[in-house]
Amino acid sequence: MILGLVSFIGAGKDTVASYLVKKGFIHRSLSDEIRDELKKRKLPETRDNLINVGNELRKKFGNDVLAKRAFEKIKKLNKHAIISSIRNAGEVKFFKKQPEFILVEIYCPLEIRYKRLKKRNRIGDIKSFKEFLLSEKREQASDPSKQQIHKVIKLADLKINNSGTIKQLQNNTDNLINKINKGGKGQK
């Protein structure tokens, strides 16, 4: 089983990924592929650099370049895997050709995501609601070589709601895995 996770910033991708890693999954983020590139170029790991270099790689090597790089790393391990930070429809197109791939949207309302981002206070996170909205808009580009999270979300097979507690998110994640293991992607 390969689960792709997609969401807007602050919806809980990393929380779901961490929870599933504890259950034996391996995790690779497409952002890790960009971080590797930033290290090669000796560039600081800022949100802007991640976005700009990711867009540059897609434009130069194709919209599925990050997906291909991540998939090469996980397929060798022959374990259940999570791929997070899928932000482009070309990446989804590549992954949907792989056996056992299921794209899952992690959903959380905008206001809750903003409050969670403010609370987590991670380096590089947004500092104001205006900056948050601008970040959302930037991740919804019309250029096919840029981030298109809104289009990726529309391609999701399943959805996990994360508008409650962490325990509720874990239960929703367990329910989703059980549904998949019973042989059905179910409905979004």
Protein backbone atom coordinates (compact mmCIF):
# COMPACT_ATOMS: atom_id res chain seq x y z
CA MET A 1 0.00 0.00 0.00
CA ILE A 2 1.27 3.45 -0.95
CA LEU A 3 -0.70 6.35 0.47
CA GLY A 4 -0.25 9.77 -1.02
CA LEU A 5 -1.18 12.61 1.32
CA VAL A 6 -2.35 15.99 0.08
CA SER A 7 -3.64 19.02 1.93
CA PHE A 8 -3.27 22.71 2.28
CA ILE A 9 -0.70 23.91 4.83
CA GLY A 10 -1.52 23.13 8.45
CA ALA A 11 -4.16 20.47 7.76
CA GLY A 12 -2.21 17.60 9.36
CA LYS A 13 -0.22 15.74 6.68
CA ASP A 14 2.81 15.42 8.93
CA THR A 15 0.68 14.31 11.89
CA VAL A 16 -0.94 11.54 9.82
CA ALA A 17 2.43 10.52 8.35
CA SER A 18 4.07 10.35 11.81
CA TYR A 19 1.19 8.29 13.16
CA LEU A 20 1.44 5.79 10.29
CA VAL A 21 5.23 5.57 10.62
CA LYS A 22 4.66 4.36 14.19
CA LYS A 23 2.46 1.64 12.66
CA GLY A 24 5.27 0.45 10.35
CA PHE A 25 4.90 2.60 7.25
CA ILE A 26 7.88 4.35 5.70
CA HIS A 27 7.55 8.02 4.84
CA ARG A 28 8.98 10.13 2.08
CA SER A 29 7.96 13.70 1.43
CA LEU A 30 8.29 15.22 -2.01
CA SER A 31 9.63 18.22 -0.11
CA ASP A 32 12.52 15.95 0.98
CA GLU A 33 13.48 15.72 -2.68
CA ILE A 34 13.60 19.51 -2.87
CA ARG A 35 15.53 19.71 0.42
CA ASP A 36 18.13 17.36 -1.09
CA GLU A 37 18.41 19.73 -4.04
CA LEU A 38 18.75 22.75 -1.75
CA LYS A 39 21.62 21.01 0.07
CA LYS A 40 23.37 20.32 -3.25
CA ARG A 41 23.03 24.00 -4.13
CA LYS A 42 23.98 25.13 -0.62
CA LEU A 43 20.78 27.17 -0.32
CA PRO A 44 18.99 27.76 2.99
CA GLU A 45 15.85 25.75 3.64
CA THR A 46 13.20 28.45 3.51
CA ARG A 47 9.60 28.07 2.38
CA ASP A 48 10.31 30.37 -0.59
CA ASN A 49 13.38 28.33 -1.64
CA LEU A 50 11.40 25.09 -1.35
CA ILE A 51 8.62 26.47 -3.56
CA ASN A 52 10.93 28.14 -6.09
CA VAL A 53 13.32 25.19 -6.50
CA GLY A 54 10.42 22.72 -6.67
CA ASN A 55 8.80 24.78 -9.43
CA GLU A 56 12.15 25.06 -11.22
CA LEU A 57 12.73 21.28 -11.09
CA ARG A 58 9.24 20.60 -12.48
CA LYS A 59 9.75 23.10 -15.29
CA LYS A 60 13.17 21.66 -16.20
CA PHE A 61 12.59 17.90 -15.74
CA GLY A 62 8.81 17.50 -15.96
CA ASN A 63 5.95 17.86 -13.50
CA ASP A 64 6.49 14.35 -12.15
CA VAL A 65 10.23 14.70 -11.36
CA LEU A 66 9.77 14.81 -7.56
CA ALA A 67 7.35 11.88 -7.65
CA LYS A 68 9.78 9.77 -9.68
CA ARG A 69 12.68 10.56 -7.35
CA ALA A 70 10.69 9.71 -4.21
CA PHE A 71 9.21 6.55 -5.72
CA GLU A 72 12.67 5.23 -6.63
CA LYS A 73 13.64 5.50 -2.96
CA ILE A 74 10.55 3.86 -1.47
CA LYS A 75 10.08 1.02 -3.97
CA LYS A 76 13.41 -0.53 -2.97
CA LEU A 77 12.20 -0.94 0.63
CA ASN A 78 9.16 -3.07 -0.26
CA LYS A 79 7.05 -1.78 2.66
CA HIS A 80 3.83 0.14 3.09
CA ALA A 81 4.66 3.77 2.37
CA ILE A 82 3.39 7.28 2.75
CA ILE A 83 4.26 9.97 0.24
CA SER A 84 3.44 13.46 1.45
CA SER A 85 3.62 16.96 0.05
CA ILE A 86 2.13 16.03 -3.31
CA ARG A 87 1.42 19.43 -4.82
CA ASN A 88 1.14 18.97 -8.58
CA ALA A 89 -1.28 17.04 -10.80
CA GLY A 90 1.69 15.64 -12.79
CA GLU A 91 2.93 13.99 -9.60
CA VAL A 92 -0.49 12.38 -9.07
CA LYS A 93 -0.57 11.18 -12.67
CA PHE A 94 2.74 9.37 -12.13
CA PHE A 95 1.71 7.86 -8.78
CA LYS A 96 -1.70 6.68 -10.03
CA LYS A 97 0.16 4.43 -12.50
CA GLN A 98 1.78 2.62 -9.55
CA PRO A 99 0.05 -0.43 -8.07
CA GLU A 100 -1.48 0.03 -4.63
CA PHE A 101 -1.37 3.85 -4.75
CA ILE A 102 -4.21 5.74 -3.08
CA LEU A 103 -4.35 9.52 -2.82
CA VAL A 104 -5.80 10.80 0.46
CA GLU A 105 -6.83 14.37 1.19
CA ILE A 106 -6.35 15.56 4.76
CA TYR A 107 -9.10 18.12 5.21
CA CYS A 108 -9.25 20.87 7.81
CA PRO A 109 -11.08 24.22 7.64
CA LEU A 110 -9.02 27.32 6.91
CA GLU A 111 -9.56 29.01 10.29
CA ILE A 112 -8.48 25.92 12.25
CA ARG A 113 -5.39 25.47 10.07
CA TYR A 114 -4.37 29.08 10.65
CA LYS A 115 -4.75 28.74 14.43
CA ARG A 116 -2.71 25.52 14.40
CA LEU A 117 0.08 27.13 12.36
CA LYS A 118 0.25 30.05 14.77
CA LYS A 119 0.40 27.64 17.69
CA ARG A 120 3.10 25.37 16.23
CA ASN A 121 5.29 28.40 15.42
CA ARG A 122 7.67 26.46 13.16
CA ILE A 123 10.52 28.35 11.49
CA GLY A 124 9.31 29.54 8.11
CA ASP A 125 5.62 29.38 9.02
CA ILE A 126 3.41 32.34 8.27
CA LYS A 127 3.10 35.11 10.82
CA SER A 128 -0.18 36.82 9.86
CA PHE A 129 -3.56 35.86 8.42
CA LYS A 130 -2.80 37.97 5.33
CA GLU A 131 0.48 36.07 4.80
CA PHE A 132 -1.43 32.80 5.33
CA LEU A 133 -3.96 33.70 2.60
CA LEU A 134 -1.17 34.72 0.21
CA SER A 135 0.56 31.38 0.84
CA GLU A 136 -2.70 29.54 0.08
CA LYS A 137 -3.07 31.46 -3.18
CA ARG A 138 0.55 30.78 -4.19
CA GLU A 139 -0.03 27.03 -3.83
CA GLN A 140 -2.94 27.19 -6.30
CA ALA A 141 -1.13 28.28 -9.46
CA SER A 142 -2.58 27.89 -12.93
CA ASP A 143 0.89 27.14 -14.38
CA PRO A 144 1.09 23.32 -14.65
CA SER A 145 4.74 23.30 -13.54
CA LYS A 146 3.96 25.03 -10.25
CA GLN A 147 2.13 24.04 -7.10
CA GLN A 148 -1.50 23.17 -7.78
CA ILE A 149 -2.78 21.80 -4.49
CA HIS A 150 -6.39 22.65 -5.36
CA LYS A 151 -6.16 20.42 -8.45
CA VAL A 152 -4.41 17.61 -6.56
CA ILE A 153 -7.13 17.62 -3.90
CA LYS A 154 -9.76 17.12 -6.61
CA LEU A 155 -7.90 13.94 -7.65
CA ALA A 156 -7.97 12.42 -4.14
CA ASP A 157 -9.51 8.96 -3.78
CA LEU A 158 -10.33 9.33 -0.10
CA LYS A 159 -10.56 12.01 2.56
CA ILE A 160 -9.69 12.21 6.25
CA ASN A 161 -11.28 14.97 8.31
CA ASN A 162 -8.92 16.68 10.74
CA SER A 163 -11.07 19.38 12.26
CA GLY A 164 -11.04 17.78 15.72
CA THR A 165 -8.49 16.44 18.17
CA ILE A 166 -5.36 14.43 17.44
CA LYS A 167 -7.10 11.35 18.88
CA GLN A 168 -10.01 11.86 16.45
CA LEU A 169 -7.52 12.22 13.58
CA GLN A 170 -5.83 8.97 14.62
CA ASN A 171 -9.21 7.21 14.76
CA ASN A 172 -10.16 8.61 11.34
CA THR A 173 -6.81 7.42 9.97
CA ASP A 174 -7.29 3.92 11.45
CA ASN A 175 -10.78 3.76 9.95
CA LEU A 176 -9.42 4.71 6.55
CA ILE A 177 -6.67 2.07 6.70
CA ASN A 178 -9.22 -0.55 7.76
CA LYS A 179 -11.48 0.41 4.85
CA ILE A 180 -8.58 0.12 2.41
CA ASN A 181 -7.50 -3.23 3.87
CA LYS A 182 -11.04 -4.55 3.40
CA GLY A 183 -10.57 -3.93 -0.29
CA GLY A 184 -12.28 -0.68 -0.98
CA LYS A 185 -11.26 2.84 -1.58
CA GLY A 186 -14.81 3.76 -0.66
CA GLN A 187 -16.03 7.23 -1.31
CA LYS A 188 -14.33 10.51 -0.77
